[in-house]
Protein backbone atom coordinates (compact mmCIF):
# COMPACT_ATOMS: atom_id res chain seq x y z
CA MET A 1 -25.38 -50.55 1.80
CA MET A 2 -22.25 -50.76 3.94
CA ASP A 3 -20.18 -49.21 1.18
CA GLU A 4 -22.65 -46.30 0.98
CA LEU A 5 -22.47 -45.77 4.74
CA ARG A 6 -18.67 -45.80 4.63
CA LEU A 7 -18.69 -43.26 1.81
CA ARG A 8 -21.03 -40.96 3.76
CA ALA A 9 -18.84 -41.30 6.83
CA ARG A 10 -15.77 -40.29 4.82
CA ILE A 11 -17.57 -37.31 3.31
CA ALA A 12 -18.84 -36.23 6.74
CA ALA A 13 -15.30 -36.51 8.11
CA LEU A 14 -14.07 -34.12 5.42
CA TYR A 15 -16.85 -31.56 5.78
CA GLU A 16 -17.40 -31.70 9.53
CA GLY A 17 -14.36 -33.44 11.01
CA ASN A 18 -11.54 -31.93 13.03
CA SER A 19 -8.59 -33.70 11.43
CA VAL A 20 -5.75 -31.99 9.58
CA LEU A 21 -7.06 -33.42 6.29
CA ALA A 22 -10.55 -32.04 6.98
CA HIS A 23 -9.22 -28.55 7.67
CA ARG A 24 -7.10 -28.64 4.53
CA PHE A 25 -10.11 -29.81 2.54
CA ARG A 26 -12.25 -26.89 3.75
CA TYR A 27 -9.43 -24.46 2.97
CA PHE A 28 -9.31 -25.98 -0.52
CA LEU A 29 -13.04 -25.27 -0.93
CA LEU A 30 -12.49 -21.68 0.16
CA VAL A 31 -9.62 -21.23 -2.34
CA ALA A 32 -11.69 -22.86 -5.09
CA ASP A 33 -14.54 -20.40 -4.51
CA LEU A 34 -12.14 -17.47 -4.56
CA ALA A 35 -10.72 -18.79 -7.84
CA SER A 36 -14.23 -19.05 -9.31
CA ILE A 37 -14.85 -15.38 -8.48
CA LEU A 38 -11.57 -14.37 -10.15
CA PHE A 39 -12.61 -16.41 -13.18
CA LEU A 40 -15.99 -14.66 -13.13
CA VAL A 41 -14.21 -11.31 -13.38
CA ALA A 42 -11.83 -12.43 -16.12
CA THR A 43 -14.53 -13.91 -18.38
CA THR A 44 -16.43 -10.63 -18.59
CA PHE A 45 -13.65 -9.42 -20.90
CA PHE A 46 -14.38 -12.42 -23.17
CA HIS A 47 -18.16 -12.15 -23.04
CA GLY A 48 -19.76 -14.57 -25.50
CA ALA A 49 -16.64 -16.64 -26.21
CA PRO A 50 -17.45 -20.37 -26.69
CA TRP A 51 -14.71 -21.58 -24.31
CA VAL A 52 -16.29 -19.65 -21.44
CA ILE A 53 -19.36 -21.90 -21.63
CA TRP A 54 -17.22 -25.03 -21.23
CA VAL A 55 -15.41 -23.62 -18.21
CA ASP A 56 -18.80 -22.67 -16.74
CA ILE A 57 -19.91 -26.29 -17.16
CA VAL A 58 -16.82 -27.49 -15.29
CA LEU A 59 -17.51 -25.05 -12.44
CA GLY A 60 -21.18 -25.99 -12.40
CA THR A 61 -20.22 -29.66 -12.11
CA TYR A 62 -17.87 -28.87 -9.21
CA ILE A 63 -20.59 -26.95 -7.35
CA ALA A 64 -23.10 -29.75 -8.04
CA ILE A 65 -20.75 -32.39 -6.60
CA ASP A 66 -20.15 -30.21 -3.54
CA TYR A 67 -23.92 -29.69 -3.11
CA LEU A 68 -24.71 -33.41 -3.43
CA ALA A 69 -21.94 -34.30 -0.98
CA ARG A 70 -23.27 -31.90 1.63
CA ILE A 71 -26.90 -32.96 1.25
CA SER A 72 -25.93 -36.64 1.50
CA ILE A 73 -24.52 -36.22 5.01
CA THR A 74 -27.28 -34.09 6.51
CA SER A 75 -30.21 -35.64 8.35
CA ARG A 76 -32.47 -32.64 7.73
CA LYS A 77 -32.60 -32.61 3.95
CA ILE A 78 -35.71 -30.40 3.62
CA GLU A 79 -34.19 -27.71 5.82
CA PHE A 80 -30.96 -28.02 3.88
CA VAL A 81 -32.69 -27.51 0.51
CA LEU A 82 -34.74 -24.55 1.79
CA ASN A 83 -31.73 -22.80 3.31
CA PRO A 84 -31.28 -19.52 1.35
CA LEU A 85 -27.55 -20.10 0.77
CA ASN A 86 -28.18 -23.62 -0.51
CA LEU A 87 -30.93 -22.30 -2.78
CA THR A 88 -28.30 -19.90 -4.09
CA ASP A 89 -26.08 -22.88 -4.89
CA LEU A 90 -28.94 -24.54 -6.79
CA VAL A 91 -29.47 -21.42 -8.90
CA SER A 92 -25.71 -21.24 -9.49
CA ILE A 93 -25.65 -24.85 -10.69
CA LEU A 94 -28.56 -24.24 -13.08
CA SER A 95 -27.03 -21.03 -14.37
CA LEU A 96 -23.67 -22.65 -15.07
CA LEU A 97 -25.05 -25.80 -16.67
CA ALA A 98 -27.69 -24.07 -18.81
CA PRO A 99 -26.01 -22.03 -21.59
CA LEU A 100 -29.26 -20.24 -22.45
CA PHE A 101 -29.35 -18.28 -19.20
CA GLY A 102 -26.00 -19.09 -17.57
CA ALA A 103 -24.42 -15.71 -18.29
CA SER A 104 -27.25 -13.78 -16.66
CA LEU A 105 -27.24 -15.74 -13.39
CA SER A 106 -23.58 -16.68 -12.97
CA PHE A 107 -23.01 -13.77 -10.56
CA LEU A 108 -24.56 -15.96 -7.83
CA ARG A 109 -21.32 -17.95 -7.69
CA SER A 110 -19.75 -15.17 -5.66
CA LEU A 111 -22.40 -15.60 -2.96
CA ARG A 112 -20.89 -18.96 -2.03
CA ILE A 113 -17.98 -17.26 -0.30
CA ILE A 114 -20.39 -15.95 2.35
CA ARG A 115 -21.20 -19.43 3.59
CA LEU A 116 -17.57 -20.56 3.73
CA VAL A 117 -16.09 -17.48 5.37
CA ARG A 118 -18.99 -17.01 7.77
CA SER A 119 -19.09 -20.72 8.58
CA TYR A 120 -18.41 -21.25 12.27
CA ARG A 121 -15.92 -24.03 11.62
CA VAL A 122 -13.90 -22.15 8.99
CA GLN A 123 -14.00 -18.96 11.01
CA LYS A 124 -12.87 -20.79 14.14
CA ARG A 125 -10.06 -22.49 12.23
CA LEU A 126 -8.89 -19.16 10.81
CA ARG A 127 -8.90 -17.76 14.34
CA ASP A 128 -6.86 -20.69 15.62
CA ASP A 129 -4.38 -20.74 12.73
CA PHE A 130 -3.68 -17.06 12.16
CA ARG A 131 -2.95 -14.57 14.91
CA MET A 132 -3.65 -11.64 12.58
CA PHE A 133 -7.16 -12.96 11.90
CA ARG A 134 -7.68 -13.46 15.63
CA GLN A 135 -6.68 -9.89 16.44
CA HIS A 136 -8.59 -8.22 13.59
CA GLU A 137 -11.51 -10.61 13.06
CA ASP A 138 -14.27 -7.98 13.05
CA VAL A 139 -12.41 -5.77 10.58
CA ILE A 140 -11.63 -8.69 8.27
CA LEU A 141 -15.21 -9.98 8.26
CA SER A 142 -16.60 -6.48 7.67
CA ALA A 143 -14.18 -6.06 4.75
CA VAL A 144 -15.20 -9.46 3.34
CA ASN A 145 -18.89 -8.52 3.57
CA LEU A 146 -18.22 -5.28 1.70
CA ILE A 147 -16.08 -6.97 -0.96
CA VAL A 148 -18.66 -9.72 -1.56
CA PHE A 149 -21.41 -7.11 -1.86
CA LEU A 150 -19.23 -5.13 -4.28
CA PHE A 151 -18.61 -8.19 -6.48
CA VAL A 152 -22.24 -9.31 -6.47
CA MET A 153 -23.63 -5.88 -7.30
CA THR A 154 -20.96 -5.31 -9.94
CA GLU A 155 -21.87 -8.55 -11.66
CA LEU A 156 -25.56 -7.66 -11.41
CA VAL A 157 -24.82 -4.34 -13.09
CA PHE A 158 -22.81 -6.11 -15.78
CA VAL A 159 -25.29 -8.85 -16.67
CA THR A 160 -28.28 -6.50 -16.74
CA GLN A 161 -26.58 -3.68 -18.69
CA VAL A 162 -24.03 -5.24 -21.06
CA ARG A 163 -26.58 -5.85 -23.84
CA ILE A 164 -28.46 -2.57 -23.54
CA ASN A 165 -25.93 -0.04 -22.27
CA PRO A 166 -22.92 0.90 -24.46
CA GLN A 167 -21.28 2.49 -21.41
CA VAL A 168 -20.97 -0.91 -19.67
CA ARG A 169 -18.75 -3.16 -21.80
CA ASN A 170 -16.97 -5.30 -19.19
CA PHE A 171 -16.59 -5.97 -15.48
CA LEU A 172 -14.28 -2.98 -15.01
CA ASP A 173 -16.91 -0.56 -16.31
CA ALA A 174 -19.52 -2.13 -14.03
CA MET A 175 -17.21 -2.00 -11.00
CA TYR A 176 -16.34 1.63 -11.73
CA PHE A 177 -20.04 2.53 -11.63
CA THR A 178 -20.65 0.44 -8.49
CA VAL A 179 -17.78 2.01 -6.56
CA THR A 180 -18.67 5.58 -7.53
CA THR A 181 -22.29 4.92 -6.56
CA LEU A 182 -21.42 3.16 -3.31
CA THR A 183 -19.16 6.01 -2.22
CA THR A 184 -21.80 8.53 -3.36
CA THR A 185 -19.20 10.18 -5.62
CA GLY A 186 -21.41 9.81 -8.68
CA PHE A 187 -19.34 11.27 -11.54
CA GLY A 188 -22.22 10.68 -13.94
CA ASP A 189 -20.16 9.47 -16.90
CA ILE A 190 -21.82 6.03 -16.56
CA THR A 191 -25.52 5.70 -15.80
CA LEU A 192 -27.72 2.61 -15.82
CA LYS A 193 -30.56 2.16 -18.26
CA GLY A 194 -34.16 1.26 -17.44
CA GLU A 195 -36.09 0.67 -14.26
CA VAL A 196 -33.89 -2.28 -13.27
CA GLY A 197 -30.87 -0.02 -13.54
CA ARG A 198 -32.44 2.59 -11.26
CA LEU A 199 -33.38 -0.12 -8.74
CA LEU A 200 -29.81 -1.45 -8.73
CA SER A 201 -28.48 2.07 -8.15
CA ILE A 202 -30.76 2.46 -5.13
CA LEU A 203 -29.71 -0.91 -3.69
CA ILE A 204 -26.02 -0.08 -4.13
CA MET A 205 -26.40 3.26 -2.39
CA VAL A 206 -28.55 2.04 0.51
CA PHE A 207 -26.83 -1.25 1.36
CA GLY A 208 -23.36 -0.37 0.09
CA VAL A 209 -23.06 2.75 2.19
CA SER A 210 -24.24 0.80 5.26
CA LEU A 211 -21.55 -1.86 4.76
CA PHE A 212 -18.93 0.78 4.06
CA LEU A 213 -19.78 2.65 7.26
CA ARG A 214 -19.74 -0.64 9.18
CA LEU A 215 -16.19 -1.28 7.94
CA ILE A 216 -15.07 2.22 8.93
CA GLN A 217 -16.64 1.73 12.37
CA THR A 218 -14.78 -1.53 13.00
CA ILE A 219 -11.48 -0.04 11.83
CA PHE A 220 -11.53 3.00 14.09
CA ARG A 221 -13.27 1.71 17.20
CA PRO A 222 -11.00 0.52 20.05
CA ALA A 223 -9.59 -2.97 19.43
CA LYS A 224 -11.09 -5.76 21.53
CA VAL A 225 -10.31 -9.42 22.10
CA ARG A 226 -12.73 -12.35 22.03
CA PHE A 227 -12.71 -14.05 25.42
CA THR A 228 -15.92 -15.52 26.81
CA CYS A 229 -16.68 -14.61 30.42
CA GLN A 230 -17.45 -17.82 32.33
CA HIS A 231 -20.12 -16.06 34.42
CA CYS A 232 -22.21 -13.94 32.05
CA GLY A 233 -21.04 -15.04 28.59
CA LEU A 234 -19.84 -11.62 27.35
CA PHE A 235 -17.22 -12.39 24.71
CA LEU A 236 -15.76 -8.98 23.74
CA HIS A 237 -13.37 -7.26 26.13
CA GLU A 238 -10.64 -4.65 26.03
CA ASN A 239 -7.11 -5.99 25.57
CA ASP A 240 -6.04 -5.05 29.10
CA ALA A 241 -9.32 -5.95 30.86
CA VAL A 242 -8.96 -7.57 34.28
CA HIS A 243 -12.67 -7.70 35.17
CA CYS A 244 -15.72 -8.28 32.99
CA LYS A 245 -17.43 -4.94 32.43
CA HIS A 246 -20.85 -6.62 32.58
CA CYS A 247 -20.70 -8.78 35.71
CA GLY A 248 -17.35 -7.85 37.29
CA ALA A 249 -15.92 -11.38 37.22
CA VAL A 250 -12.14 -11.75 37.09
CA LEU A 251 -10.83 -12.47 33.58
CA ASN A 252 -7.62 -14.27 32.63
CA ILE A 253 -7.05 -13.04 29.10
CA PRO A 254 -3.69 -14.25 27.70
CA SER A 255 -1.31 -11.36 27.13
CA ASP A 256 -0.64 -12.39 23.54
CA GLY A 257 -4.36 -12.43 22.66
CA SER A 258 -4.30 -16.15 21.83
CA VAL A 259 -7.82 -16.94 23.03
């Protein structure tokens, strides 16, 4: 029993601690998820190869270990299981460990990056460690949201069309269609088959354009710094602000933006 408690304490220290080792561990998880997405792209050019299944099993095992480690340290296990992002992880694990339907659901791996990048702790650490992230946080997060959406929808297009649509042979074909649809260019040389294909096209246009416009908005709007007003709680201010525009309180924003 004591050994189990010590193990849980060590796992909690890695996932939730504030030590240098804990931060490095969470960065490792972020890099591992990025690598899994790159692998996801690469394997579409080897669709059906036997070795891909074995690598999927390795990735599925890694995600399963990560999932079990996180659920072991939480006190609210039911809420943890019902969390949409954790449900996504469960589907990812099943898809990667079940060869019969792994290829059609493996796109859900890319959704894991949302939890890690949007995580308060990782986001805060990125802000503390990198001045560029601190100064352009809204733009970076908007770009990440758009890129994740692009990867997820591209993989959806690929797995639903590769067996029925001769125009979609690999990830590049699927991404070409997704980008032309998202930007409303619509060359028409690749079209999706069936009702599912039409539904995907609608989703790409509606949500993709919204994310794209959000990114453009954050790029061209005046740059602001994150500095919480001690009186009213407003946390976005102009770089040269002296008083809070909401309550008028005096602000002491560092000149280098290191807040």
